[in-house]
Amino acid sequence: MIIERSLRPAYGDREVGHLQPKLKGLGTYGTVGLEFGLSVLVGLFAGQWLDRKLQTDPWLTFIGMGFGTAAGIRSLFRAAERARKELEDEEQREVELRRDYHERNRKK
């Protein structure tokens, strides 16, 4: 990976391994706002298009925007749930590592 090669001389392997999950999270959750905005816009433009076709101005625009907003909010909740799950998994791994560390040191 390009980032790995560019950071290795300055920070060493340990820092690069620690940086990768943060960059992955940035890529994963950095698109949430874009996804919300696009959901609203798609609903809005679909409603406007249907209003022009069916001559029901402005009702389908409002309905389309409502559906788009609902889809955007749903994507926000899904991203928050995914983040919560990842945090719980990370905390569980840390607890297990601490337990293993203390068990190994107790035996010595």
Foldseek 3Di string as FASTA:
>chain_A
DVVCVVCCVPPNDVVVVVCVVVVVLCVVPVCLVVQLVVLLVVLQVVQVVVCVVVVPPPVSNVVSNVRSNVVSVVSVVVSVVVVVVVVVVVVVVVVVVVVVVVVVVVVD
